Amino acid sequence: MSAKKMRTWTEVAANSSWRIFKIMSELVNGFEKMRAIGPCVSVFGSARTKPDNKYYQMGVDIGDMLVKAGYGVITGGGPGIMEAANKGAKQASGASVGLNIDLPFEQEANPYIDYDKLLNFNYFFVRKVMFVKYAQAFVALPGGFGTLDELFEALTLIQTLKIEKIPVILIGTEFWGGMLDWIKKVLLEQEGNISEKDLDLFHLTDDLDEVIEIIDAWYGKDDNKLKPNF
């Protein structure tokens, strides 16, 4: 490597080190705000889902139902399914949390987030820490790459025992069914990349009442189980 390239590399690397303080700031701010909110459920889903889509209404309904079951709702703070779940939580007068991310397109905070529960992030990985640490369950409605990323991050952390096992529930058999068939036939049976017991890490349903039943059954009456995941 030439001296000029080495000098440029060193200068860039040195400047990058200061980014640590920005990351720390986002973590500290997130921890301070999230710990005061109480037990919540993280709801994942597409930012592109329109209000006339059936899954949007399901998002509204599950947000409402989670609040009435005693939980706040955490979303990515944007439009689509995220907006729907925040809307349901807001209408039910529950905690409506939005973890917004700074993007060059598509992402603006939806109007149904409580004004004191809107957190803005520059870093996806810091935002995902908040999704995971303060969730008592994960509920995934149909979505794209971001939803898949959040879903499989949660499953991986549970599978590897980095966080305690909590309910992971997929809503929409029509949407998720093909992926789950692939997981069973390819990942499990053909390649052996997962274990049979890994299929027990999540539930698939179209019944919103079942979502609440699964979460309630998991925690029962033991309030000591309601705590941050790490």
Protein backbone atom coordinates (compact mmCIF):
# COMPACT_ATOMS: atom_id res chain seq x y z
CA MET A 1 0.00 0.00 0.00
CA SER A 2 1.33 3.42 -0.92
CA ALA A 3 2.12 6.01 1.77
CA LYS A 4 -0.67 8.24 0.45
CA LYS A 5 -3.28 5.47 0.64
CA MET A 6 -2.08 4.50 4.10
CA ARG A 7 -2.33 8.12 5.29
CA THR A 8 -5.87 8.44 3.89
CA TRP A 9 -6.89 5.16 5.51
CA THR A 10 -5.50 6.24 8.88
CA GLU A 11 -7.28 9.60 8.77
CA VAL A 12 -10.62 8.02 7.93
CA ALA A 13 -10.21 5.35 10.61
CA ALA A 14 -9.33 8.00 13.21
CA ASN A 15 -12.44 10.02 12.38
CA SER A 16 -14.57 6.88 12.60
CA SER A 17 -13.48 6.33 16.19
CA TRP A 18 -15.43 9.43 17.25
CA ARG A 19 -18.59 7.77 15.98
CA ILE A 20 -18.47 5.59 19.08
CA PHE A 21 -19.71 8.55 21.13
CA LYS A 22 -22.71 9.05 18.83
CA ILE A 23 -23.55 5.38 19.20
CA MET A 24 -23.21 5.57 22.98
CA SER A 25 -25.49 8.60 23.04
CA GLU A 26 -28.22 6.75 21.15
CA LEU A 27 -27.92 3.74 23.46
CA VAL A 28 -28.05 5.78 26.66
CA ASN A 29 -30.99 7.88 25.46
CA GLY A 30 -32.84 4.76 24.36
CA PHE A 31 -32.26 2.93 27.64
CA GLU A 32 -33.35 5.95 29.70
CA LYS A 33 -36.61 6.39 27.80
CA MET A 34 -37.54 2.76 27.22
CA ARG A 35 -37.04 1.53 30.76
CA ALA A 36 -39.70 3.95 32.03
CA ILE A 37 -42.43 2.75 29.67
CA GLY A 38 -43.17 -0.70 31.05
CA PRO A 39 -43.91 -4.07 29.39
CA CYS A 40 -44.36 -3.79 25.62
CA VAL A 41 -44.70 -5.97 22.55
CA SER A 42 -42.67 -5.20 19.42
CA VAL A 43 -44.76 -5.27 16.25
CA PHE A 44 -42.94 -5.61 12.92
CA GLY A 45 -44.36 -5.04 9.44
CA SER A 46 -44.05 -3.26 6.13
CA ALA A 47 -43.83 0.51 5.79
CA ARG A 48 -45.55 0.19 2.39
CA THR A 49 -48.83 -1.37 3.48
CA LYS A 50 -51.78 0.90 2.64
CA PRO A 51 -54.79 1.53 4.91
CA ASP A 52 -57.09 -0.41 2.55
CA ASN A 53 -54.96 -3.56 2.93
CA LYS A 54 -56.40 -6.23 5.23
CA TYR A 55 -53.12 -6.48 7.11
CA TYR A 56 -53.24 -2.76 7.95
CA GLN A 57 -56.54 -3.27 9.74
CA MET A 58 -55.12 -6.34 11.47
CA GLY A 59 -52.26 -4.13 12.64
CA VAL A 60 -54.73 -1.64 14.11
CA ASP A 61 -56.66 -4.43 15.79
CA ILE A 62 -53.61 -6.14 17.30
CA GLY A 63 -52.32 -2.81 18.63
CA ASP A 64 -55.68 -2.24 20.32
CA MET A 65 -55.80 -5.79 21.69
CA LEU A 66 -52.26 -5.70 23.06
CA VAL A 67 -53.01 -2.53 25.01
CA LYS A 68 -56.21 -3.99 26.43
CA ALA A 69 -54.18 -7.04 27.48
CA GLY A 70 -51.87 -4.78 29.46
CA TYR A 71 -48.96 -4.18 27.08
CA GLY A 72 -47.59 -1.17 25.30
CA VAL A 73 -46.79 -1.34 21.59
CA ILE A 74 -43.36 -0.76 20.06
CA THR A 75 -43.01 -0.25 16.30
CA GLY A 76 -40.42 1.12 13.93
CA GLY A 77 -42.31 4.39 14.00
CA GLY A 78 -42.99 4.69 10.28
CA PRO A 79 -46.02 4.31 8.01
CA GLY A 80 -47.81 1.13 6.93
CA ILE A 81 -48.11 -1.70 9.46
CA MET A 82 -46.09 0.32 11.95
CA GLU A 83 -48.58 3.17 11.75
CA ALA A 84 -51.46 0.72 12.06
CA ALA A 85 -50.18 -0.85 15.28
CA ASN A 86 -49.42 2.56 16.80
CA LYS A 87 -52.90 3.71 15.78
CA GLY A 88 -54.52 0.78 17.54
CA ALA A 89 -52.46 1.38 20.67
CA LYS A 90 -53.24 5.10 20.64
CA GLN A 91 -56.97 4.54 20.19
CA ALA A 92 -56.93 2.17 23.15
CA SER A 93 -55.13 4.80 25.27
CA GLY A 94 -52.05 2.66 25.76
CA ALA A 95 -48.32 3.25 25.40
CA SER A 96 -47.56 3.83 21.71
CA VAL A 97 -43.80 3.76 21.09
CA GLY A 98 -42.04 4.57 17.83
CA LEU A 99 -38.38 3.76 17.13
CA ASN A 100 -37.89 5.91 14.07
CA ILE A 101 -34.84 5.57 11.81
CA ASP A 102 -33.28 8.32 9.72
CA LEU A 103 -33.55 7.22 6.08
CA PRO A 104 -33.20 9.06 2.77
CA PHE A 105 -36.67 7.83 1.73
CA GLU A 106 -39.93 6.38 2.95
CA GLN A 107 -39.51 6.76 6.71
CA GLU A 108 -41.28 9.54 8.56
CA ALA A 109 -42.68 9.16 12.04
CA ASN A 110 -46.40 8.37 11.99
CA PRO A 111 -48.84 10.60 13.92
CA TYR A 112 -50.03 7.90 16.35
CA ILE A 113 -46.86 7.72 18.45
CA ASP A 114 -47.01 9.27 21.92
CA TYR A 115 -45.04 12.51 21.74
CA ASP A 116 -42.83 11.46 24.67
CA LYS A 117 -42.25 7.96 23.26
CA LEU A 118 -40.79 8.82 19.87
CA LEU A 119 -37.11 7.93 19.62
CA ASN A 120 -35.04 8.77 16.56
CA PHE A 121 -32.03 6.70 15.52
CA ASN A 122 -29.22 6.98 13.01
CA TYR A 123 -28.04 3.40 13.48
CA PHE A 124 -30.15 0.35 12.68
CA PHE A 125 -28.28 -1.86 15.12
CA VAL A 126 -28.92 0.49 18.06
CA ARG A 127 -32.59 0.65 17.11
CA LYS A 128 -32.78 -3.15 17.06
CA VAL A 129 -31.33 -3.29 20.56
CA MET A 130 -34.37 -1.31 21.74
CA PHE A 131 -36.77 -3.54 19.80
CA VAL A 132 -35.32 -6.60 21.50
CA LYS A 133 -34.37 -5.48 25.00
CA TYR A 134 -37.74 -4.08 25.98
CA ALA A 135 -40.12 -6.49 24.22
CA GLN A 136 -42.10 -9.16 26.02
CA ALA A 137 -43.05 -10.70 22.67
CA PHE A 138 -42.52 -10.16 18.95
CA VAL A 139 -45.43 -9.98 16.52
CA ALA A 140 -44.63 -9.94 12.80
CA LEU A 141 -47.13 -9.00 10.13
CA PRO A 142 -46.26 -9.11 6.42
CA GLY A 143 -43.29 -7.00 5.40
CA GLY A 144 -40.14 -6.75 3.33
CA PHE A 145 -36.41 -6.95 3.95
CA GLY A 146 -36.58 -4.84 7.11
CA THR A 147 -39.29 -7.00 8.66
CA LEU A 148 -37.40 -10.18 7.79
CA ASP A 149 -34.23 -8.71 9.26
CA GLU A 150 -35.96 -7.87 12.54
CA LEU A 151 -37.75 -11.22 12.70
CA PHE A 152 -34.68 -13.37 12.09
CA GLU A 153 -32.55 -11.22 14.40
CA ALA A 154 -35.03 -12.01 17.19
CA LEU A 155 -35.14 -15.71 16.33
CA THR A 156 -31.35 -15.93 16.18
CA LEU A 157 -30.94 -14.28 19.58
CA ILE A 158 -33.46 -16.68 21.12
CA GLN A 159 -31.97 -19.72 19.36
CA THR A 160 -28.45 -18.89 20.55
CA LEU A 161 -29.64 -18.09 24.10
CA LYS A 162 -28.44 -14.50 23.89
CA ILE A 163 -31.85 -13.42 25.15
CA GLU A 164 -34.51 -15.29 27.07
CA LYS A 165 -37.09 -17.17 25.05
CA ILE A 166 -40.23 -15.10 24.53
CA PRO A 167 -43.18 -15.55 22.14
CA VAL A 168 -42.56 -14.87 18.45
CA ILE A 169 -45.82 -14.81 16.50
CA LEU A 170 -46.29 -14.47 12.75
CA ILE A 171 -49.66 -13.16 11.58
CA GLY A 172 -50.79 -14.17 8.09
CA THR A 173 -50.65 -17.81 6.97
CA GLU A 174 -51.11 -16.79 3.34
CA PHE A 175 -48.06 -14.52 3.50
CA TRP A 176 -45.71 -16.52 5.73
CA GLY A 177 -46.75 -20.04 4.72
CA GLY A 178 -44.40 -20.39 1.74
CA MET A 179 -41.40 -19.22 3.73
CA LEU A 180 -42.16 -21.62 6.55
CA ASP A 181 -42.51 -24.51 4.07
CA TRP A 182 -39.04 -23.62 2.74
CA ILE A 183 -37.63 -23.48 6.27
CA LYS A 184 -38.98 -26.95 6.99
CA LYS A 185 -38.16 -28.61 3.67
CA VAL A 186 -34.81 -26.97 2.91
CA LEU A 187 -33.25 -25.62 6.10
CA LEU A 188 -34.38 -28.53 8.28
CA GLU A 189 -34.91 -31.63 6.14
CA GLN A 190 -32.65 -31.08 3.13
CA GLU A 191 -29.68 -29.21 4.56
CA GLY A 192 -29.94 -29.78 8.30
CA ASN A 193 -29.15 -26.13 8.98
CA ILE A 194 -31.59 -25.90 11.87
CA SER A 195 -32.89 -28.35 14.47
CA GLU A 196 -36.41 -29.71 14.77
CA LYS A 197 -36.83 -27.82 18.05
CA ASP A 198 -36.09 -24.52 16.28
CA LEU A 199 -39.52 -24.76 14.68
CA ASP A 200 -40.96 -24.27 18.16
CA LEU A 201 -39.43 -20.80 18.42
CA PHE A 202 -42.36 -19.22 16.57
CA HIS A 203 -46.10 -19.54 16.01
CA LEU A 204 -48.11 -18.86 12.86
CA THR A 205 -51.74 -17.76 12.98
CA ASP A 206 -54.47 -15.65 11.40
CA ASP A 207 -56.38 -15.44 14.68
CA LEU A 208 -55.62 -12.26 16.60
CA ASP A 209 -57.26 -13.65 19.73
CA GLU A 210 -54.73 -16.48 19.59
CA VAL A 211 -51.90 -13.94 19.56
CA ILE A 212 -53.06 -12.56 22.88
CA GLU A 213 -53.71 -16.04 24.26
CA ILE A 214 -50.16 -17.14 23.42
CA ILE A 215 -48.61 -14.12 25.13
CA ASP A 216 -50.88 -14.34 28.18
CA ALA A 217 -50.24 -18.08 28.52
CA TRP A 218 -46.50 -17.49 28.35
CA TYR A 219 -46.47 -15.06 31.26
CA GLY A 220 -49.46 -16.34 33.19
CA LYS A 221 -49.76 -14.46 36.47
CA ASP A 222 -46.03 -14.30 37.09
CA ASP A 223 -45.21 -10.60 36.88
CA ASN A 224 -41.56 -11.40 37.61
CA LYS A 225 -41.27 -12.73 34.06
CA LEU A 226 -42.06 -9.26 32.70
CA LYS A 227 -38.61 -7.70 32.45
CA PRO A 228 -36.00 -6.54 29.93
CA ASN A 229 -34.51 -9.41 27.95
CA PHE A 230 -30.86 -8.75 28.76
